[in-house]
Amino acid sequence: MKRNKILSRTFEMVMGALGSIIGMFSGSFLIFIESFGQAHISFLGLVAILASILGFISTYYIKKNTEIAGVGFIIATMFVIAGADYINVISALFLLVAGISLLFRK
């Protein structure tokens, strides 16, 4: 009889949710800065917010399919970095760590 080892994915869920929340706040901050007329970066803020939504969706899929969730986190990382250059680095790191951990931890 083969024993199945159940792996807890709490670490990935926390990292993904934290990265998505930080990405939402930083994307909103970019849109807020643009409302004062300082820079034309509202599109970049919108891209960062949409990537954070993808991160939340990937957090939902962690329990169902870890490979899809891991790829979703890595795609969200790429869009977060493209959306907001330096302000979203922490969010991108959290999402990237969650994605890599989901793909390579067995």
C-alpha atoms as a PDB file:
ATOM      1  CA  MET A   1       0.000   0.000   0.000  1.00  0.00           C
ATOM      2  CA  LYS A   2       1.451   3.310  -1.094  1.00  0.00           C
ATOM      3  CA  ARG A   3       1.203   6.193   1.300  1.00  0.00           C
ATOM      4  CA  ASN A   4       0.317   9.584  -0.172  1.00  0.00           C
ATOM      5  CA  LYS A   5       2.037  12.554   1.339  1.00  0.00           C
ATOM      6  CA  ILE A   6      -0.195  15.625   1.554  1.00  0.00           C
ATOM      7  CA  LEU A   7       1.762  18.831   1.129  1.00  0.00           C
ATOM      8  CA  SER A   8       0.615  22.007   2.814  1.00  0.00           C
ATOM      9  CA  ARG A   9       0.594  25.001   0.481  1.00  0.00           C
ATOM     10  CA  THR A  10       0.059  27.658   3.133  1.00  0.00           C
ATOM     11  CA  PHE A  11       3.396  29.334   2.395  1.00  0.00           C
ATOM     12  CA  GLU A  12       2.514  29.786  -1.275  1.00  0.00           C
ATOM     13  CA  MET A  13      -0.960  31.050  -0.437  1.00  0.00           C
ATOM     14  CA  VAL A  14       0.397  33.653   1.967  1.00  0.00           C
ATOM     15  CA  MET A  15       3.150  34.795  -0.392  1.00  0.00           C
ATOM     16  CA  GLY A  16       0.772  35.011  -3.360  1.00  0.00           C
ATOM     17  CA  ALA A  17      -1.923  36.875  -1.451  1.00  0.00           C
ATOM     18  CA  LEU A  18       0.600  39.267   0.093  1.00  0.00           C
ATOM     19  CA  GLY A  19       2.202  39.972  -3.285  1.00  0.00           C
ATOM     20  CA  SER A  20      -1.198  40.561  -4.858  1.00  0.00           C
ATOM     21  CA  ILE A  21      -2.292  42.939  -2.103  1.00  0.00           C
ATOM     22  CA  ILE A  22       0.922  44.940  -2.321  1.00  0.00           C
ATOM     23  CA  GLY A  23       0.587  45.037  -6.115  1.00  0.00           C
ATOM     24  CA  MET A  24      -2.974  46.367  -5.844  1.00  0.00           C
ATOM     25  CA  PHE A  25      -1.879  49.139  -3.488  1.00  0.00           C
ATOM     26  CA  SER A  26       1.117  50.151  -5.595  1.00  0.00           C
ATOM     27  CA  GLY A  27      -0.940  50.131  -8.807  1.00  0.00           C
ATOM     28  CA  SER A  28      -3.552  52.289  -7.106  1.00  0.00           C
ATOM     29  CA  PHE A  29      -0.775  54.588  -5.918  1.00  0.00           C
ATOM     30  CA  LEU A  30       0.447  55.006  -9.500  1.00  0.00           C
ATOM     31  CA  ILE A  31      -3.048  55.947 -10.639  1.00  0.00           C
ATOM     32  CA  PHE A  32      -3.309  58.337  -7.674  1.00  0.00           C
ATOM     33  CA  ILE A  33      -0.025  60.046  -8.641  1.00  0.00           C
ATOM     34  CA  GLU A  34      -1.246  60.445 -12.217  1.00  0.00           C
ATOM     35  CA  SER A  35      -4.386  62.208 -10.998  1.00  0.00           C
ATOM     36  CA  PHE A  36      -2.193  65.067  -9.755  1.00  0.00           C
ATOM     37  CA  GLY A  37      -0.708  65.464 -13.226  1.00  0.00           C
ATOM     38  CA  GLN A  38       2.819  64.554 -12.188  1.00  0.00           C
ATOM     39  CA  ALA A  39       3.274  61.722 -14.667  1.00  0.00           C
ATOM     40  CA  HIS A  40       1.374  59.853 -17.349  1.00  0.00           C
ATOM     41  CA  ILE A  41       1.455  56.407 -15.801  1.00  0.00           C
ATOM     42  CA  SER A  42      -2.183  55.478 -15.256  1.00  0.00           C
ATOM     43  CA  PHE A  43      -1.919  52.695 -17.867  1.00  0.00           C
ATOM     44  CA  LEU A  44       1.027  51.188 -16.004  1.00  0.00           C
ATOM     45  CA  GLY A  45      -0.951  51.289 -12.763  1.00  0.00           C
ATOM     46  CA  LEU A  46      -3.848  49.554 -14.483  1.00  0.00           C
ATOM     47  CA  VAL A  47      -1.521  46.813 -15.769  1.00  0.00           C
ATOM     48  CA  ALA A  48      -0.174  46.317 -12.241  1.00  0.00           C
ATOM     49  CA  ILE A  49      -3.709  46.057 -10.828  1.00  0.00           C
ATOM     50  CA  LEU A  50      -4.757  43.528 -13.487  1.00  0.00           C
ATOM     51  CA  ALA A  51      -1.633  41.464 -12.790  1.00  0.00           C
ATOM     52  CA  SER A  52      -2.481  41.510  -9.088  1.00  0.00           C
ATOM     53  CA  ILE A  53      -5.964  40.240  -9.902  1.00  0.00           C
ATOM     54  CA  LEU A  54      -4.288  37.400 -11.820  1.00  0.00           C
ATOM     55  CA  GLY A  55      -2.283  36.740  -8.651  1.00  0.00           C
ATOM     56  CA  PHE A  56      -5.499  36.477  -6.612  1.00  0.00           C
ATOM     57  CA  ILE A  57      -6.958  34.075  -9.173  1.00  0.00           C
ATOM     58  CA  SER A  58      -3.787  31.977  -8.991  1.00  0.00           C
ATOM     59  CA  THR A  59      -4.082  31.933  -5.205  1.00  0.00           C
ATOM     60  CA  TYR A  60      -7.532  30.415  -5.630  1.00  0.00           C
ATOM     61  CA  TYR A  61      -6.126  27.675  -7.915  1.00  0.00           C
ATOM     62  CA  ILE A  62      -3.387  26.563  -5.516  1.00  0.00           C
ATOM     63  CA  LYS A  63      -5.541  23.832  -3.973  1.00  0.00           C
ATOM     64  CA  LYS A  64      -6.951  22.679  -7.335  1.00  0.00           C
ATOM     65  CA  ASN A  65      -3.912  22.593  -9.652  1.00  0.00           C
ATOM     66  CA  THR A  66      -0.489  23.729  -8.470  1.00  0.00           C
ATOM     67  CA  GLU A  67       1.082  23.889 -11.933  1.00  0.00           C
ATOM     68  CA  ILE A  68      -1.542  26.301 -13.284  1.00  0.00           C
ATOM     69  CA  ALA A  69      -1.247  28.429 -10.153  1.00  0.00           C
ATOM     70  CA  GLY A  70       2.562  28.516 -10.405  1.00  0.00           C
ATOM     71  CA  VAL A  71       2.498  29.587 -14.042  1.00  0.00           C
ATOM     72  CA  GLY A  72      -0.165  32.183 -13.196  1.00  0.00           C
ATOM     73  CA  PHE A  73       2.058  33.642 -10.468  1.00  0.00           C
ATOM     74  CA  ILE A  74       5.047  33.847 -12.802  1.00  0.00           C
ATOM     75  CA  ILE A  75       2.980  35.535 -15.536  1.00  0.00           C
ATOM     76  CA  ALA A  76       1.602  37.949 -12.934  1.00  0.00           C
ATOM     77  CA  THR A  77       5.183  38.682 -11.857  1.00  0.00           C
ATOM     78  CA  MET A  78       6.187  39.609 -15.395  1.00  0.00           C
ATOM     79  CA  PHE A  79       3.228  41.942 -15.808  1.00  0.00           C
ATOM     80  CA  VAL A  80       3.721  43.516 -12.380  1.00  0.00           C
ATOM     81  CA  ILE A  81       7.331  44.306 -13.236  1.00  0.00           C
ATOM     82  CA  ALA A  82       6.340  45.687 -16.648  1.00  0.00           C
ATOM     83  CA  GLY A  83       3.476  47.667 -15.143  1.00  0.00           C
ATOM     84  CA  ALA A  84       5.368  49.500 -12.443  1.00  0.00           C
ATOM     85  CA  ASP A  85       9.120  49.628 -12.618  1.00  0.00           C
ATOM     86  CA  TYR A  86      10.573  50.194  -9.165  1.00  0.00           C
ATOM     87  CA  ILE A  87       7.530  50.631  -6.985  1.00  0.00           C
ATOM     88  CA  ASN A  88       6.350  47.038  -7.421  1.00  0.00           C
ATOM     89  CA  VAL A  89       9.575  45.128  -6.812  1.00  0.00           C
ATOM     90  CA  ILE A  90       8.457  43.723  -3.459  1.00  0.00           C
ATOM     91  CA  SER A  91       5.165  42.541  -4.911  1.00  0.00           C
ATOM     92  CA  ALA A  92       6.980  40.925  -7.825  1.00  0.00           C
ATOM     93  CA  LEU A  93       9.372  39.130  -5.469  1.00  0.00           C
ATOM     94  CA  PHE A  94       6.530  37.685  -3.407  1.00  0.00           C
ATOM     95  CA  LEU A  95       4.684  36.508  -6.514  1.00  0.00           C
ATOM     96  CA  LEU A  96       7.845  35.040  -8.040  1.00  0.00           C
ATOM     97  CA  VAL A  97       8.761  33.131  -4.881  1.00  0.00           C
ATOM     98  CA  ALA A  98       5.228  31.724  -4.681  1.00  0.00           C
ATOM     99  CA  GLY A  99       5.297  30.692  -8.359  1.00  0.00           C
ATOM    100  CA  ILE A 100       8.691  29.031  -8.232  1.00  0.00           C
ATOM    101  CA  SER A 101       7.818  27.281  -4.977  1.00  0.00           C
ATOM    102  CA  LEU A 102       4.612  25.915  -6.482  1.00  0.00           C
ATOM    103  CA  LEU A 103       6.370  24.608  -9.573  1.00  0.00           C
ATOM    104  CA  PHE A 104       9.402  23.009  -7.947  1.00  0.00           C
ATOM    105  CA  ARG A 105       8.305  21.887  -4.477  1.00  0.00           C
ATOM    106  CA  LYS A 106       6.984  18.338  -4.518  1.00  0.00           C
END
